[in-house]
Every structure is written in C-alpha cells, then in structure tokens.
Amino acid sequence: MQELLTAVTYPIVWLVCSYVLKIESGLAKLLISLTAAILVYVLIGIKSSAQGENDKKGK
C-alpha cells in the first residue's frame, strides 16, 4: 500500500505543477514531484511504525 500511494503521488503532483501551478521547468516539476512522493512514503512509514509500537504496548 505504501509503495502504491507513493507511485500515485508522483504523477498527481506532476500534473498539479503543470496545470494548476503552471510550472514550465521540467527540473522543478521533477524535484517537487519526487520530494512529495518521498514525503508520502516516509510519513506512511512513520505512521505504520507508530501503530506497530502501540500494538505491542497494548498486548
């Protein structure tokens, strides 16, 4: 699930940069999209790690 959301985030952010923000630079779109995708991956990892710790404490 984590990898799927990361893979979906990249093209969505790319399209937002292209059509909503009107960014023309390919490098800027690449960096913004990759940063957003990595951020989603890290945040989901942190969330699942925290849930795993809570499960261990509850048992």
C-alpha atoms as a PDB file:
ATOM      1  CA  MET A   1       0.000   0.000   0.000  1.00  0.00           C
ATOM      2  CA  GLN A   2       2.810   2.366   0.903  1.00  0.00           C
ATOM      3  CA  GLU A   3       4.562   1.914  -2.453  1.00  0.00           C
ATOM      4  CA  LEU A   4       1.301   2.246  -4.376  1.00  0.00           C
ATOM      5  CA  LEU A   5       0.459   5.588  -2.774  1.00  0.00           C
ATOM      6  CA  THR A   6       3.987   6.791  -3.454  1.00  0.00           C
ATOM      7  CA  ALA A   7       3.730   5.767  -7.109  1.00  0.00           C
ATOM      8  CA  VAL A   8       0.375   7.530  -7.467  1.00  0.00           C
ATOM      9  CA  THR A   9       1.579  10.678  -5.706  1.00  0.00           C
ATOM     10  CA  TYR A  10       4.339  11.340  -8.233  1.00  0.00           C
ATOM     11  CA  PRO A  11       2.181  11.790 -11.383  1.00  0.00           C
ATOM     12  CA  ILE A  12      -0.560  13.619  -9.483  1.00  0.00           C
ATOM     13  CA  VAL A  13       1.896  16.206  -8.151  1.00  0.00           C
ATOM     14  CA  TRP A  14       3.493  16.444 -11.614  1.00  0.00           C
ATOM     15  CA  LEU A  15       0.094  17.266 -13.136  1.00  0.00           C
ATOM     16  CA  VAL A  16      -0.693  19.769 -10.381  1.00  0.00           C
ATOM     17  CA  CYS A  17       2.625  21.502 -11.049  1.00  0.00           C
ATOM     18  CA  SER A  18       1.959  21.550 -14.790  1.00  0.00           C
ATOM     19  CA  TYR A  19      -1.652  22.639 -14.965  1.00  0.00           C
ATOM     20  CA  VAL A  20      -2.521  24.274 -11.641  1.00  0.00           C
ATOM     21  CA  LEU A  21       0.750  25.962 -10.701  1.00  0.00           C
ATOM     22  CA  LYS A  22       1.817  26.472 -14.366  1.00  0.00           C
ATOM     23  CA  ILE A  23       5.430  25.483 -13.687  1.00  0.00           C
ATOM     24  CA  GLU A  24       7.225  25.108 -17.008  1.00  0.00           C
ATOM     25  CA  SER A  25      10.617  23.899 -15.799  1.00  0.00           C
ATOM     26  CA  GLY A  26      10.910  20.133 -16.063  1.00  0.00           C
ATOM     27  CA  LEU A  27      13.592  20.033 -13.403  1.00  0.00           C
ATOM     28  CA  ALA A  28      11.446  21.953 -10.936  1.00  0.00           C
ATOM     29  CA  LYS A  29       8.478  19.636 -11.562  1.00  0.00           C
ATOM     30  CA  LEU A  30      10.733  16.605 -11.157  1.00  0.00           C
ATOM     31  CA  LEU A  31      12.173  17.812  -7.858  1.00  0.00           C
ATOM     32  CA  ILE A  32       8.794  18.820  -6.430  1.00  0.00           C
ATOM     33  CA  SER A  33       7.153  15.549  -7.513  1.00  0.00           C
ATOM     34  CA  LEU A  34       9.950  13.363  -6.167  1.00  0.00           C
ATOM     35  CA  THR A  35      10.021  15.276  -2.899  1.00  0.00           C
ATOM     36  CA  ALA A  36       6.267  14.841  -2.472  1.00  0.00           C
ATOM     37  CA  ALA A  37       6.455  11.119  -3.285  1.00  0.00           C
ATOM     38  CA  ILE A  38       9.316  10.551  -0.826  1.00  0.00           C
ATOM     39  CA  LEU A  39       7.491  12.568   1.836  1.00  0.00           C
ATOM     40  CA  VAL A  40       4.370  10.404   1.424  1.00  0.00           C
ATOM     41  CA  TYR A  41       6.497   7.263   1.704  1.00  0.00           C
ATOM     42  CA  VAL A  42       8.225   8.474   4.873  1.00  0.00           C
ATOM     43  CA  LEU A  43       5.027   9.709   6.532  1.00  0.00           C
ATOM     44  CA  ILE A  44       3.228   6.419   5.904  1.00  0.00           C
ATOM     45  CA  GLY A  45       6.266   4.553   7.278  1.00  0.00           C
ATOM     46  CA  ILE A  46       6.277   6.671  10.420  1.00  0.00           C
ATOM     47  CA  LYS A  47       2.545   6.156  10.890  1.00  0.00           C
ATOM     48  CA  SER A  48       2.765   2.381  10.475  1.00  0.00           C
ATOM     49  CA  SER A  49       5.757   2.248  12.823  1.00  0.00           C
ATOM     50  CA  ALA A  50       3.865   4.182  15.478  1.00  0.00           C
ATOM     51  CA  GLN A  51       0.873   1.875  15.112  1.00  0.00           C
ATOM     52  CA  GLY A  52       3.156  -1.136  15.480  1.00  0.00           C
ATOM     53  CA  GLU A  53       4.562   0.239  18.722  1.00  0.00           C
ATOM     54  CA  ASN A  54       1.068   0.944  20.053  1.00  0.00           C
ATOM     55  CA  ASP A  55       0.019  -2.626  19.232  1.00  0.00           C
ATOM     56  CA  LYS A  56       2.991  -4.001  21.174  1.00  0.00           C
ATOM     57  CA  LYS A  57       2.258  -1.818  24.216  1.00  0.00           C
ATOM     58  CA  GLY A  58      -1.399  -2.786  24.271  1.00  0.00           C
ATOM     59  CA  LYS A  59      -0.713  -6.518  24.476  1.00  0.00           C
END
